[in-house]
PDB file of N, CA and C in Angstrom:
ATOM      1  N   MET A   1     -42.519  13.664  19.375  1.00  0.00           N
ATOM      2  CA  MET A   1     -42.220  14.211  20.679  1.00  0.00           C
ATOM      3  C   MET A   1     -41.956  13.037  21.624  1.00  0.00           C
ATOM      4  N   THR A   2     -40.879  13.150  22.387  1.00  0.00           N
ATOM      5  CA  THR A   2     -40.524  12.077  23.309  1.00  0.00           C
ATOM      6  C   THR A   2     -41.352  12.163  24.584  1.00  0.00           C
ATOM      7  N   GLU A   3     -41.249  11.124  25.389  1.00  0.00           N
ATOM      8  CA  GLU A   3     -41.994  11.096  26.656  1.00  0.00           C
ATOM      9  C   GLU A   3     -41.547  12.231  27.565  1.00  0.00           C
ATOM     10  N   HIS A   4     -40.257  12.502  27.564  1.00  0.00           N
ATOM     11  CA  HIS A   4     -39.720  13.557  28.417  1.00  0.00           C
ATOM     12  C   HIS A   4     -40.296  14.909  28.027  1.00  0.00           C
ATOM     13  N   ALA A   5     -40.350  15.180  26.724  1.00  0.00           N
ATOM     14  CA  ALA A   5     -40.877  16.467  26.251  1.00  0.00           C
ATOM     15  C   ALA A   5     -42.361  16.591  26.558  1.00  0.00           C
ATOM     16  N   SER A   6     -43.124  15.527  26.346  1.00  0.00           N
ATOM     17  CA  SER A   6     -44.558  15.611  26.618  1.00  0.00           C
ATOM     18  C   SER A   6     -44.822  15.767  28.114  1.00  0.00           C
ATOM     19  N   ALA A   7     -44.024  15.116  28.962  1.00  0.00           N
ATOM     20  CA  ALA A   7     -44.180  15.268  30.411  1.00  0.00           C
ATOM     21  C   ALA A   7     -43.843  16.690  30.832  1.00  0.00           C
ATOM     22  N   LEU A   8     -42.821  17.257  30.203  1.00  0.00           N
ATOM     23  CA  LEU A   8     -42.416  18.633  30.513  1.00  0.00           C
ATOM     24  C   LEU A   8     -43.526  19.609  30.129  1.00  0.00           C
ATOM     25  N   LEU A   9     -44.134  19.411  28.977  1.00  0.00           N
ATOM     26  CA  LEU A   9     -45.218  20.298  28.541  1.00  0.00           C
ATOM     27  C   LEU A   9     -46.455  20.131  29.417  1.00  0.00           C
ATOM     28  N   ALA A  10     -46.705  18.942  29.918  1.00  0.00           N
ATOM     29  CA  ALA A  10     -47.883  18.709  30.759  1.00  0.00           C
ATOM     30  C   ALA A  10     -47.760  19.432  32.088  1.00  0.00           C
ATOM     31  N   ARG A  11     -46.531  19.651  32.566  1.00  0.00           N
ATOM     32  CA  ARG A  11     -46.337  20.326  33.856  1.00  0.00           C
ATOM     33  C   ARG A  11     -46.368  21.841  33.735  1.00  0.00           C
ATOM     34  N   MET A  12     -46.408  22.378  32.518  1.00  0.00           N
ATOM     35  CA  MET A  12     -46.413  23.826  32.339  1.00  0.00           C
ATOM     36  C   MET A  12     -47.747  24.395  32.837  1.00  0.00           C
ATOM     37  N   PRO A  13     -47.713  25.505  33.604  1.00  0.00           N
ATOM     38  CA  PRO A  13     -48.959  26.065  34.150  1.00  0.00           C
ATOM     39  C   PRO A  13     -49.841  26.711  33.091  1.00  0.00           C
ATOM     40  N   ALA A  14     -49.239  27.284  32.058  1.00  0.00           N
ATOM     41  CA  ALA A  14     -50.048  27.965  31.039  1.00  0.00           C
ATOM     42  C   ALA A  14     -49.633  27.434  29.669  1.00  0.00           C
ATOM     43  N   PRO A  15     -50.558  27.424  28.739  1.00  0.00           N
ATOM     44  CA  PRO A  15     -50.196  26.969  27.399  1.00  0.00           C
ATOM     45  C   PRO A  15     -49.155  27.899  26.762  1.00  0.00           C
ATOM     46  N   LEU A  16     -48.275  27.336  26.003  1.00  0.00           N
ATOM     47  CA  LEU A  16     -47.211  28.103  25.344  1.00  0.00           C
ATOM     48  C   LEU A  16     -47.621  28.421  23.917  1.00  0.00           C
ATOM     49  N   PRO A  17     -47.137  29.559  23.415  1.00  0.00           N
ATOM     50  CA  PRO A  17     -47.334  29.810  21.983  1.00  0.00           C
ATOM     51  C   PRO A  17     -46.614  28.719  21.179  1.00  0.00           C
ATOM     52  N   ASP A  18     -47.043  28.533  19.941  1.00  0.00           N
ATOM     53  CA  ASP A  18     -46.506  27.443  19.121  1.00  0.00           C
ATOM     54  C   ASP A  18     -44.996  27.517  18.952  1.00  0.00           C
ATOM     55  N   ASN A  19     -44.456  28.704  18.735  1.00  0.00           N
ATOM     56  CA  ASN A  19     -43.009  28.805  18.514  1.00  0.00           C
ATOM     57  C   ASN A  19     -42.221  28.445  19.782  1.00  0.00           C
ATOM     58  N   GLU A  20     -42.704  28.847  20.951  1.00  0.00           N
ATOM     59  CA  GLU A  20     -42.025  28.494  22.199  1.00  0.00           C
ATOM     60  C   GLU A  20     -42.207  27.014  22.511  1.00  0.00           C
ATOM     61  N   ARG A  21     -43.387  26.504  22.210  1.00  0.00           N
ATOM     62  CA  ARG A  21     -43.642  25.087  22.419  1.00  0.00           C
ATOM     63  C   ARG A  21     -42.690  24.253  21.565  1.00  0.00           C
ATOM     64  N   GLY A  22     -42.529  24.631  20.295  1.00  0.00           N
ATOM     65  CA  GLY A  22     -41.612  23.929  19.394  1.00  0.00           C
ATOM     66  C   GLY A  22     -40.180  23.997  19.897  1.00  0.00           C
ATOM     67  N   ALA A  23     -39.789  25.154  20.404  1.00  0.00           N
ATOM     68  CA  ALA A  23     -38.429  25.303  20.920  1.00  0.00           C
ATOM     69  C   ALA A  23     -38.221  24.415  22.141  1.00  0.00           C
ATOM     70  N   LEU A  24     -39.215  24.346  23.007  1.00  0.00           N
ATOM     71  CA  LEU A  24     -39.112  23.526  24.209  1.00  0.00           C
ATOM     72  C   LEU A  24     -39.034  22.037  23.856  1.00  0.00           C
ATOM     73  N   VAL A  25     -39.861  21.615  22.908  1.00  0.00           N
ATOM     74  CA  VAL A  25     -39.844  20.212  22.484  1.00  0.00           C
ATOM     75  C   VAL A  25     -38.497  19.877  21.847  1.00  0.00           C
ATOM     76  N   THR A  26     -38.003  20.762  20.997  1.00  0.00           N
ATOM     77  CA  THR A  26     -36.710  20.537  20.347  1.00  0.00           C
ATOM     78  C   THR A  26     -35.596  20.463  21.378  1.00  0.00           C
ATOM     79  N   PHE A  27     -35.625  21.355  22.365  1.00  0.00           N
ATOM     80  CA  PHE A  27     -34.607  21.339  23.423  1.00  0.00           C
ATOM     81  C   PHE A  27     -34.669  20.025  24.205  1.00  0.00           C
ATOM     82  N   ALA A  28     -35.872  19.602  24.573  1.00  0.00           N
ATOM     83  CA  ALA A  28     -36.016  18.375  25.361  1.00  0.00           C
ATOM     84  C   ALA A  28     -35.545  17.160  24.569  1.00  0.00           C
ATOM     85  N   ASP A  29     -35.911  17.116  23.284  1.00  0.00           N
ATOM     86  CA  ASP A  29     -35.457  15.997  22.448  1.00  0.00           C
ATOM     87  C   ASP A  29     -33.940  15.996  22.325  1.00  0.00           C
ATOM     88  N   GLY A  30     -33.356  17.143  22.082  1.00  0.00           N
ATOM     89  CA  GLY A  30     -31.902  17.245  21.963  1.00  0.00           C
ATOM     90  C   GLY A  30     -31.203  16.908  23.263  1.00  0.00           C
ATOM     91  N   PHE A  31     -31.812  17.308  24.372  1.00  0.00           N
ATOM     92  CA  PHE A  31     -31.242  17.010  25.680  1.00  0.00           C
ATOM     93  C   PHE A  31     -31.187  15.502  25.903  1.00  0.00           C
ATOM     94  N   GLU A  32     -32.268  14.799  25.560  1.00  0.00           N
ATOM     95  CA  GLU A  32     -32.289  13.339  25.728  1.00  0.00           C
ATOM     96  C   GLU A  32     -31.249  12.662  24.853  1.00  0.00           C
ATOM     97  N   VAL A  33     -31.118  13.114  23.617  1.00  0.00           N
ATOM     98  CA  VAL A  33     -30.120  12.534  22.716  1.00  0.00           C
ATOM     99  C   VAL A  33     -28.724  12.747  23.281  1.00  0.00           C
ATOM    100  N   GLY A  34     -28.464  13.946  23.793  1.00  0.00           N
ATOM    101  CA  GLY A  34     -27.151  14.243  24.373  1.00  0.00           C
ATOM    102  C   GLY A  34     -26.853  13.404  25.602  1.00  0.00           C
ATOM    103  N   VAL A  35     -27.846  13.246  26.469  1.00  0.00           N
ATOM    104  CA  VAL A  35     -27.653  12.433  27.670  1.00  0.00           C
ATOM    105  C   VAL A  35     -27.388  10.980  27.282  1.00  0.00           C
ATOM    106  N   ASP A  36     -28.161  10.458  26.336  1.00  0.00           N
ATOM    107  CA  ASP A  36     -27.956   9.074  25.894  1.00  0.00           C
ATOM    108  C   ASP A  36     -26.555   8.889  25.309  1.00  0.00           C
ATOM    109  N   ALA A  37     -26.120   9.828  24.491  1.00  0.00           N
ATOM    110  CA  ALA A  37     -24.779   9.724  23.903  1.00  0.00           C
ATOM    111  C   ALA A  37     -23.718   9.796  24.986  1.00  0.00           C
ATOM    112  N   GLY A  38     -23.921  10.663  25.966  1.00  0.00           N
ATOM    113  CA  GLY A  38     -22.969  10.771  27.072  1.00  0.00           C
ATOM    114  C   GLY A  38     -22.896   9.495  27.886  1.00  0.00           C
ATOM    115  N   LEU A  39     -24.033   8.856  28.093  1.00  0.00           N
ATOM    116  CA  LEU A  39     -24.036   7.582  28.818  1.00  0.00           C
ATOM    117  C   LEU A  39     -23.265   6.507  28.058  1.00  0.00           C
ATOM    118  N   VAL A  40     -23.428   6.485  26.745  1.00  0.00           N
ATOM    119  CA  VAL A  40     -22.716   5.501  25.930  1.00  0.00           C
ATOM    120  C   VAL A  40     -21.211   5.736  26.023  1.00  0.00           C
ATOM    121  N   VAL A  41     -20.787   6.987  25.882  1.00  0.00           N
ATOM    122  CA  VAL A  41     -19.360   7.304  25.962  1.00  0.00           C
ATOM    123  C   VAL A  41     -18.834   7.002  27.357  1.00  0.00           C
ATOM    124  N   GLY A  42     -19.584   7.363  28.380  1.00  0.00           N
ATOM    125  CA  GLY A  42     -19.158   7.093  29.750  1.00  0.00           C
ATOM    126  C   GLY A  42     -19.033   5.610  30.023  1.00  0.00           C
ATOM    127  N   PHE A  43     -19.980   4.821  29.523  1.00  0.00           N
ATOM    128  CA  PHE A  43     -19.907   3.376  29.701  1.00  0.00           C
ATOM    129  C   PHE A  43     -18.672   2.816  29.015  1.00  0.00           C
ATOM    130  N   ARG A  44     -18.419   3.276  27.784  1.00  0.00           N
ATOM    131  CA  ARG A  44     -17.260   2.787  27.036  1.00  0.00           C
ATOM    132  C   ARG A  44     -15.961   3.124  27.771  1.00  0.00           C
ATOM    133  N   GLN A  45     -15.872   4.340  28.291  1.00  0.00           N
ATOM    134  CA  GLN A  45     -14.655   4.737  29.022  1.00  0.00           C
ATOM    135  C   GLN A  45     -14.524   3.939  30.314  1.00  0.00           C
ATOM    136  N   GLY A  46     -15.633   3.722  30.995  1.00  0.00           N
ATOM    137  CA  GLY A  46     -15.592   2.933  32.223  1.00  0.00           C
ATOM    138  C   GLY A  46     -15.199   1.488  31.949  1.00  0.00           C
ATOM    139  N   TRP A  47     -15.717   0.922  30.874  1.00  0.00           N
ATOM    140  CA  TRP A  47     -15.370  -0.453  30.534  1.00  0.00           C
ATOM    141  C   TRP A  47     -13.890  -0.561  30.173  1.00  0.00           C
ATOM    142  N   THR A  48     -13.385   0.415  29.426  1.00  0.00           N
ATOM    143  CA  THR A  48     -11.965   0.409  29.066  1.00  0.00           C
ATOM    144  C   THR A  48     -11.094   0.504  30.311  1.00  0.00           C
ATOM    145  N   ALA A  49     -11.479   1.345  31.264  1.00  0.00           N
ATOM    146  CA  ALA A  49     -10.721   1.467  32.508  1.00  0.00           C
ATOM    147  C   ALA A  49     -10.769   0.160  33.289  1.00  0.00           C
ATOM    148  N   HIS A  50     -11.932  -0.482  33.314  1.00  0.00           N
ATOM    149  CA  HIS A  50     -12.068  -1.765  34.007  1.00  0.00           C
ATOM    150  C   HIS A  50     -11.167  -2.829  33.376  1.00  0.00           C
ATOM    151  N   VAL A  51     -11.182  -2.918  32.052  1.00  0.00           N
ATOM    152  CA  VAL A  51     -10.345  -3.899  31.350  1.00  0.00           C
ATOM    153  C   VAL A  51      -8.876  -3.632  31.628  1.00  0.00           C
ATOM    154  N   ASP A  52      -8.474  -2.372  31.601  1.00  0.00           N
ATOM    155  CA  ASP A  52      -7.072  -2.025  31.887  1.00  0.00           C
ATOM    156  C   ASP A  52      -6.690  -2.447  33.302  1.00  0.00           C
ATOM    157  N   ARG A  53      -7.573  -2.203  34.264  1.00  0.00           N
ATOM    158  CA  ARG A  53      -7.287  -2.566  35.656  1.00  0.00           C
ATOM    159  C   ARG A  53      -7.180  -4.086  35.819  1.00  0.00           C
ATOM    160  N   VAL A  54      -8.088  -4.836  35.210  1.00  0.00           N
ATOM    161  CA  VAL A  54      -8.044  -6.298  35.303  1.00  0.00           C
ATOM    162  C   VAL A  54      -6.780  -6.841  34.642  1.00  0.00           C
ATOM    163  N   GLN A  55      -6.425  -6.284  33.499  1.00  0.00           N
ATOM    164  CA  GLN A  55      -5.210  -6.738  32.818  1.00  0.00           C
ATOM    165  C   GLN A  55      -3.975  -6.460  33.663  1.00  0.00           C
ATOM    166  N   ALA A  56      -3.929  -5.275  34.279  1.00  0.00           N
ATOM    167  CA  ALA A  56      -2.774  -4.938  35.119  1.00  0.00           C
ATOM    168  C   ALA A  56      -2.730  -5.824  36.359  1.00  0.00           C
ATOM    169  N   ARG A  57      -3.879  -6.116  36.931  1.00  0.00           N
ATOM    170  CA  ARG A  57      -3.932  -6.913  38.162  1.00  0.00           C
ATOM    171  C   ARG A  57      -3.534  -8.361  37.925  1.00  0.00           C
ATOM    172  N   PHE A  58      -4.024  -8.942  36.841  1.00  0.00           N
ATOM    173  CA  PHE A  58      -3.797 -10.361  36.593  1.00  0.00           C
ATOM    174  C   PHE A  58      -2.741 -10.631  35.527  1.00  0.00           C
ATOM    175  N   GLY A  59      -2.121  -9.600  35.001  1.00  0.00           N
ATOM    176  CA  GLY A  59      -1.080  -9.786  33.995  1.00  0.00           C
ATOM    177  C   GLY A  59      -1.607 -10.325  32.680  1.00  0.00           C
ATOM    178  N   LEU A  60      -2.828  -9.975  32.350  1.00  0.00           N
ATOM    179  CA  LEU A  60      -3.430 -10.452  31.106  1.00  0.00           C
ATOM    180  C   LEU A  60      -3.176  -9.462  29.990  1.00  0.00           C
ATOM    181  N   THR A  61      -3.193  -9.953  28.786  1.00  0.00           N
ATOM    182  CA  THR A  61      -3.113  -9.068  27.625  1.00  0.00           C
ATOM    183  C   THR A  61      -4.252  -9.403  26.688  1.00  0.00           C
ATOM    184  N   VAL A  62      -4.759  -8.395  26.036  1.00  0.00           N
ATOM    185  CA  VAL A  62      -5.811  -8.577  25.050  1.00  0.00           C
ATOM    186  C   VAL A  62      -5.178  -8.411  23.687  1.00  0.00           C
ATOM    187  N   LEU A  63      -5.443  -9.362  22.813  1.00  0.00           N
ATOM    188  CA  LEU A  63      -4.869  -9.280  21.474  1.00  0.00           C
ATOM    189  C   LEU A  63      -5.590  -8.209  20.673  1.00  0.00           C
ATOM    190  N   ASP A  64      -4.826  -7.347  20.068  1.00  0.00           N
ATOM    191  CA  ASP A  64      -5.407  -6.371  19.153  1.00  0.00           C
ATOM    192  C   ASP A  64      -5.668  -7.066  17.830  1.00  0.00           C
ATOM    193  N   ALA A  65      -6.349  -6.379  16.954  1.00  0.00           N
ATOM    194  CA  ALA A  65      -6.610  -6.951  15.638  1.00  0.00           C
ATOM    195  C   ALA A  65      -5.269  -7.193  14.943  1.00  0.00           C
ATOM    196  N   PRO A  66      -5.091  -8.361  14.359  1.00  0.00           N
ATOM    197  CA  PRO A  66      -3.818  -8.645  13.710  1.00  0.00           C
ATOM    198  C   PRO A  66      -3.637  -7.797  12.455  1.00  0.00           C
ATOM    199  N   THR A  67      -2.395  -7.533  12.127  1.00  0.00           N
ATOM    200  CA  THR A  67      -2.103  -6.777  10.911  1.00  0.00           C
ATOM    201  C   THR A  67      -2.241  -7.697   9.710  1.00  0.00           C
ATOM    202  N   ARG A  68      -2.194  -7.131   8.520  1.00  0.00           N
ATOM    203  CA  ARG A  68      -2.301  -7.936   7.301  1.00  0.00           C
ATOM    204  C   ARG A  68      -1.138  -8.920   7.185  1.00  0.00           C
ATOM    205  N   VAL A  69       0.035  -8.484   7.584  1.00  0.00           N
ATOM    206  CA  VAL A  69       1.208  -9.357   7.516  1.00  0.00           C
ATOM    207  C   VAL A  69       1.037 -10.542   8.468  1.00  0.00           C
ATOM    208  N   GLU A  70       0.549 -10.263   9.688  1.00  0.00           N
ATOM    209  CA  GLU A  70       0.331 -11.342  10.654  1.00  0.00           C
ATOM    210  C   GLU A  70      -0.739 -12.312  10.166  1.00  0.00           C
ATOM    211  N   LEU A  71      -1.810 -11.786   9.580  1.00  0.00           N
ATOM    212  CA  LEU A  71      -2.854 -12.654   9.042  1.00  0.00           C
ATOM    213  C   LEU A  71      -2.320 -13.524   7.916  1.00  0.00           C
ATOM    214  N   ALA A  72      -1.546 -12.924   7.027  1.00  0.00           N
ATOM    215  CA  ALA A  72      -0.982 -13.697   5.912  1.00  0.00           C
ATOM    216  C   ALA A  72      -0.066 -14.799   6.435  1.00  0.00           C
ATOM    217  N   ARG A  73       0.729 -14.482   7.443  1.00  0.00           N
ATOM    218  CA  ARG A  73       1.640 -15.486   8.007  1.00  0.00           C
ATOM    219  C   ARG A  73       0.850 -16.620   8.662  1.00  0.00           C
ATOM    220  N   LEU A  74      -0.260 -16.289   9.340  1.00  0.00           N
ATOM    221  CA  LEU A  74      -1.069 -17.314   9.991  1.00  0.00           C
ATOM    222  C   LEU A  74      -1.816 -18.183   8.979  1.00  0.00           C
ATOM    223  N   GLN A  75      -2.142 -17.612   7.830  1.00  0.00           N
ATOM    224  CA  GLN A  75      -2.910 -18.345   6.830  1.00  0.00           C
ATOM    225  C   GLN A  75      -2.027 -19.109   5.850  1.00  0.00           C
ATOM    226  N   GLU A  76      -0.724 -18.967   5.985  1.00  0.00           N
ATOM    227  CA  GLU A  76       0.181 -19.698   5.103  1.00  0.00           C
ATOM    228  C   GLU A  76      -0.004 -21.194   5.290  1.00  0.00           C
ATOM    229  N   VAL A  77       0.130 -21.920   4.207  1.00  0.00           N
ATOM    230  CA  VAL A  77       0.060 -23.373   4.273  1.00  0.00           C
ATOM    231  C   VAL A  77       1.486 -23.888   4.428  1.00  0.00           C
ATOM    232  N   ASP A  78       1.669 -24.742   5.405  1.00  0.00           N
ATOM    233  CA  ASP A  78       2.974 -25.349   5.616  1.00  0.00           C
ATOM    234  C   ASP A  78       3.052 -26.579   4.716  1.00  0.00           C
ATOM    235  N   HIS A  79       3.950 -26.579   3.773  1.00  0.00           N
ATOM    236  CA  HIS A  79       4.037 -27.665   2.803  1.00  0.00           C
ATOM    237  C   HIS A  79       4.986 -28.777   3.263  1.00  0.00           C
ATOM    238  N   ARG A  80       5.449 -28.701   4.507  1.00  0.00           N
ATOM    239  CA  ARG A  80       6.373 -29.731   4.994  1.00  0.00           C
ATOM    240  C   ARG A  80       5.610 -30.934   5.529  1.00  0.00           C
ATOM    241  N   PRO A  81       6.181 -32.127   5.425  1.00  0.00           N
ATOM    242  CA  PRO A  81       5.538 -33.313   6.001  1.00  0.00           C
ATOM    243  C   PRO A  81       5.627 -33.285   7.525  1.00  0.00           C
ATOM    244  N   CYS A  82       4.933 -34.217   8.163  1.00  0.00           N
ATOM    245  CA  CYS A  82       4.964 -34.285   9.622  1.00  0.00           C
ATOM    246  C   CYS A  82       6.357 -34.715  10.090  1.00  0.00           C
ATOM    247  N   ALA A  83       6.612 -34.593  11.374  1.00  0.00           N
ATOM    248  CA  ALA A  83       7.939 -34.907  11.911  1.00  0.00           C
ATOM    249  C   ALA A  83       8.285 -36.384  11.744  1.00  0.00           C
ATOM    250  N   ALA A  84       7.271 -37.266  11.789  1.00  0.00           N
ATOM    251  CA  ALA A  84       7.522 -38.702  11.655  1.00  0.00           C
ATOM    252  C   ALA A  84       7.697 -39.118  10.195  1.00  0.00           C
ATOM    253  N   ARG A  85       7.297 -38.236   9.274  1.00  0.00           N
ATOM    254  CA  ARG A  85       7.343 -38.533   7.840  1.00  0.00           C
ATOM    255  C   ARG A  85       6.660 -39.879   7.539  1.00  0.00           C
ATOM    256  N   CYS A  86       5.438 -39.981   8.016  1.00  0.00           N
ATOM    257  CA  CYS A  86       4.695 -41.239   7.924  1.00  0.00           C
ATOM    258  C   CYS A  86       4.185 -41.533   6.515  1.00  0.00           C
ATOM    259  N   ARG A  87       4.052 -40.528   5.694  1.00  0.00           N
ATOM    260  CA  ARG A  87       3.544 -40.641   4.325  1.00  0.00           C
ATOM    261  C   ARG A  87       2.078 -41.085   4.278  1.00  0.00           C
ATOM    262  N   ARG A  88       1.373 -41.027   5.422  1.00  0.00           N
ATOM    263  CA  ARG A  88      -0.030 -41.428   5.478  1.00  0.00           C
ATOM    264  C   ARG A  88      -0.948 -40.306   5.947  1.00  0.00           C
ATOM    265  N   CYS A  89      -0.421 -39.378   6.728  1.00  0.00           N
ATOM    266  CA  CYS A  89      -1.279 -38.313   7.274  1.00  0.00           C
ATOM    267  C   CYS A  89      -1.509 -37.230   6.215  1.00  0.00           C
ATOM    268  N   SER A  90      -2.421 -36.325   6.507  1.00  0.00           N
ATOM    269  CA  SER A  90      -2.779 -35.284   5.534  1.00  0.00           C
ATOM    270  C   SER A  90      -1.604 -34.363   5.237  1.00  0.00           C
ATOM    271  N   ARG A  91      -0.777 -34.082   6.219  1.00  0.00           N
ATOM    272  CA  ARG A  91       0.390 -33.219   5.968  1.00  0.00           C
ATOM    273  C   ARG A  91       1.370 -33.879   5.017  1.00  0.00           C
ATOM    274  N   CYS A  92       1.622 -35.161   5.235  1.00  0.00           N
ATOM    275  CA  CYS A  92       2.547 -35.876   4.351  1.00  0.00           C
ATOM    276  C   CYS A  92       1.980 -36.000   2.941  1.00  0.00           C
ATOM    277  N   ILE A  93       0.694 -36.328   2.830  1.00  0.00           N
ATOM    278  CA  ILE A  93       0.063 -36.456   1.516  1.00  0.00           C
ATOM    279  C   ILE A  93       0.107 -35.121   0.784  1.00  0.00           C
ATOM    280  N   HIS A  94      -0.207 -34.041   1.485  1.00  0.00           N
ATOM    281  CA  HIS A  94      -0.147 -32.711   0.867  1.00  0.00           C
ATOM    282  C   HIS A  94       1.279 -32.394   0.429  1.00  0.00           C
ATOM    283  N   SER A  95       2.235 -32.676   1.274  1.00  0.00           N
ATOM    284  CA  SER A  95       3.628 -32.389   0.952  1.00  0.00           C
ATOM    285  C   SER A  95       4.080 -33.153  -0.289  1.00  0.00           C
ATOM    286  N   LEU A  96       3.748 -34.434  -0.347  1.00  0.00           N
ATOM    287  CA  LEU A  96       4.122 -35.242  -1.513  1.00  0.00           C
ATOM    288  C   LEU A  96       3.479 -34.716  -2.791  1.00  0.00           C
ATOM    289  N   ALA A  97       2.203 -34.363  -2.716  1.00  0.00           N
ATOM    290  CA  ALA A  97       1.510 -33.847  -3.897  1.00  0.00           C
ATOM    291  C   ALA A  97       2.059 -32.481  -4.296  1.00  0.00           C
ATOM    292  N   TYR A  98       2.316 -31.634  -3.329  1.00  0.00           N
ATOM    293  CA  TYR A  98       2.805 -30.279  -3.605  1.00  0.00           C
ATOM    294  C   TYR A  98       4.168 -30.335  -4.297  1.00  0.00           C
ATOM    295  N   TYR A  99       5.083 -31.083  -3.716  1.00  0.00           N
ATOM    296  CA  TYR A  99       6.421 -31.150  -4.308  1.00  0.00           C
ATOM    297  C   TYR A  99       6.441 -32.036  -5.545  1.00  0.00           C
ATOM    298  N   GLY A 100       5.473 -32.956  -5.667  1.00  0.00           N
ATOM    299  CA  GLY A 100       5.351 -33.754  -6.884  1.00  0.00           C
ATOM    300  C   GLY A 100       4.911 -32.922  -8.076  1.00  0.00           C
ATOM    301  N   ARG A 101       4.219 -31.828  -7.827  1.00  0.00           N
ATOM    302  CA  ARG A 101       3.816 -30.907  -8.900  1.00  0.00           C
ATOM    303  C   ARG A 101       4.857 -29.822  -9.121  1.00  0.00           C
ATOM    304  N   GLY A 102       6.006 -29.978  -8.560  1.00  0.00           N
ATOM    305  CA  GLY A 102       7.060 -28.986  -8.764  1.00  0.00           C
ATOM    306  C   GLY A 102       6.957 -27.795  -7.831  1.00  0.00           C
ATOM    307  N   GLY A 103       6.375 -27.983  -6.673  1.00  0.00           N
ATOM    308  CA  GLY A 103       6.291 -26.904  -5.702  1.00  0.00           C
ATOM    309  C   GLY A 103       5.194 -25.906  -5.987  1.00  0.00           C
ATOM    310  N   ARG A 104       4.082 -26.382  -6.523  1.00  0.00           N
ATOM    311  CA  ARG A 104       2.932 -25.484  -6.756  1.00  0.00           C
ATOM    312  C   ARG A 104       1.670 -26.173  -6.272  1.00  0.00           C
ATOM    313  N   ASP A 105       0.672 -25.372  -5.934  1.00  0.00           N
ATOM    314  CA  ASP A 105      -0.592 -25.911  -5.451  1.00  0.00           C
ATOM    315  C   ASP A 105      -1.409 -26.481  -6.605  1.00  0.00           C
ATOM    316  N   TYR A 106      -2.358 -27.338  -6.253  1.00  0.00           N
ATOM    317  CA  TYR A 106      -3.256 -27.935  -7.231  1.00  0.00           C
ATOM    318  C   TYR A 106      -4.197 -26.859  -7.738  1.00  0.00           C
ATOM    319  N   LEU A 107      -4.320 -26.744  -9.047  1.00  0.00           N
ATOM    320  CA  LEU A 107      -5.104 -25.672  -9.647  1.00  0.00           C
ATOM    321  C   LEU A 107      -6.509 -26.096 -10.039  1.00  0.00           C
ATOM    322  N   GLY A 108      -6.829 -27.367  -9.915  1.00  0.00           N
ATOM    323  CA  GLY A 108      -8.115 -27.884 -10.359  1.00  0.00           C
ATOM    324  C   GLY A 108      -7.907 -28.733 -11.593  1.00  0.00           C
ATOM    325  N   ALA A 109      -8.857 -29.615 -11.855  1.00  0.00           N
ATOM    326  CA  ALA A 109      -8.697 -30.586 -12.936  1.00  0.00           C
ATOM    327  C   ALA A 109      -8.539 -29.912 -14.295  1.00  0.00           C
ATOM    328  N   GLU A 110      -9.396 -28.946 -14.589  1.00  0.00           N
ATOM    329  CA  GLU A 110      -9.349 -28.281 -15.896  1.00  0.00           C
ATOM    330  C   GLU A 110      -8.042 -27.522 -16.093  1.00  0.00           C
ATOM    331  N   ALA A 111      -7.634 -26.787 -15.107  1.00  0.00           N
ATOM    332  CA  ALA A 111      -6.386 -26.025 -15.217  1.00  0.00           C
ATOM    333  C   ALA A 111      -5.180 -26.954 -15.296  1.00  0.00           C
ATOM    334  N   GLU A 112      -5.217 -28.044 -14.544  1.00  0.00           N
ATOM    335  CA  GLU A 112      -4.115 -29.011 -14.604  1.00  0.00           C
ATOM    336  C   GLU A 112      -4.036 -29.644 -15.989  1.00  0.00           C
ATOM    337  N   ARG A 113      -5.191 -29.944 -16.582  1.00  0.00           N
ATOM    338  CA  ARG A 113      -5.219 -30.533 -17.919  1.00  0.00           C
ATOM    339  C   ARG A 113      -4.649 -29.564 -18.942  1.00  0.00           C
ATOM    340  N   ARG A 114      -5.084 -28.287 -18.872  1.00  0.00           N
ATOM    341  CA  ARG A 114      -4.559 -27.288 -19.812  1.00  0.00           C
ATOM    342  C   ARG A 114      -3.066 -27.089 -19.617  1.00  0.00           C
ATOM    343  N   LEU A 115      -2.634 -27.119 -18.367  1.00  0.00           N
ATOM    344  CA  LEU A 115      -1.203 -26.965 -18.082  1.00  0.00           C
ATOM    345  C   LEU A 115      -0.401 -28.139 -18.652  1.00  0.00           C
ATOM    346  N   ALA A 116      -0.945 -29.349 -18.530  1.00  0.00           N
ATOM    347  CA  ALA A 116      -0.255 -30.536 -19.053  1.00  0.00           C
ATOM    348  C   ALA A 116      -0.245 -30.513 -20.594  1.00  0.00           C
ATOM    349  N   GLU A 117      -1.337 -30.070 -21.204  1.00  0.00           N
ATOM    350  CA  GLU A 117      -1.379 -29.993 -22.666  1.00  0.00           C
ATOM    351  C   GLU A 117      -0.438 -28.940 -23.190  1.00  0.00           C
ATOM    352  N   GLY A 118      -0.306 -27.856 -22.480  1.00  0.00           N
ATOM    353  CA  GLY A 118       0.576 -26.779 -22.919  1.00  0.00           C
ATOM    354  C   GLY A 118       2.047 -27.147 -22.787  1.00  0.00           C
ATOM    355  N   SER A 119       2.370 -27.956 -21.810  1.00  0.00           N
ATOM    356  CA  SER A 119       3.783 -28.318 -21.603  1.00  0.00           C
ATOM    357  C   SER A 119       4.166 -29.563 -22.397  1.00  0.00           C
ATOM    358  N   ALA A 120       3.168 -30.296 -22.921  1.00  0.00           N
ATOM    359  CA  ALA A 120       3.490 -31.526 -23.661  1.00  0.00           C
ATOM    360  C   ALA A 120       3.811 -31.251 -25.108  1.00  0.00           C
TER     361      ALA A 120
END
């Protein structure tokens, strides 16, 4: 029994039969759950309205969750060397190694060994 239900029963002038008491407690508990859920929904709607107003006022945009295609594009490895083609930075070293293996990524020592034995 919640605090609200027990407070409600304490204010009753006469004791209730068990079945009515149970109904009253159930109603009070359900009422509290409903009010709490309504507050959560109301807060969410109010926050969404606030965000929309701020975005409209300041010209801001909120990024939605990226799609799978966008994620894949962002996670792609660029195999090109740097613009200076210095041959010393990590991009250049990766590019040289990648294209030195015939345009494929490094598979690990064991897999590379098996691949070399199979092609030899």
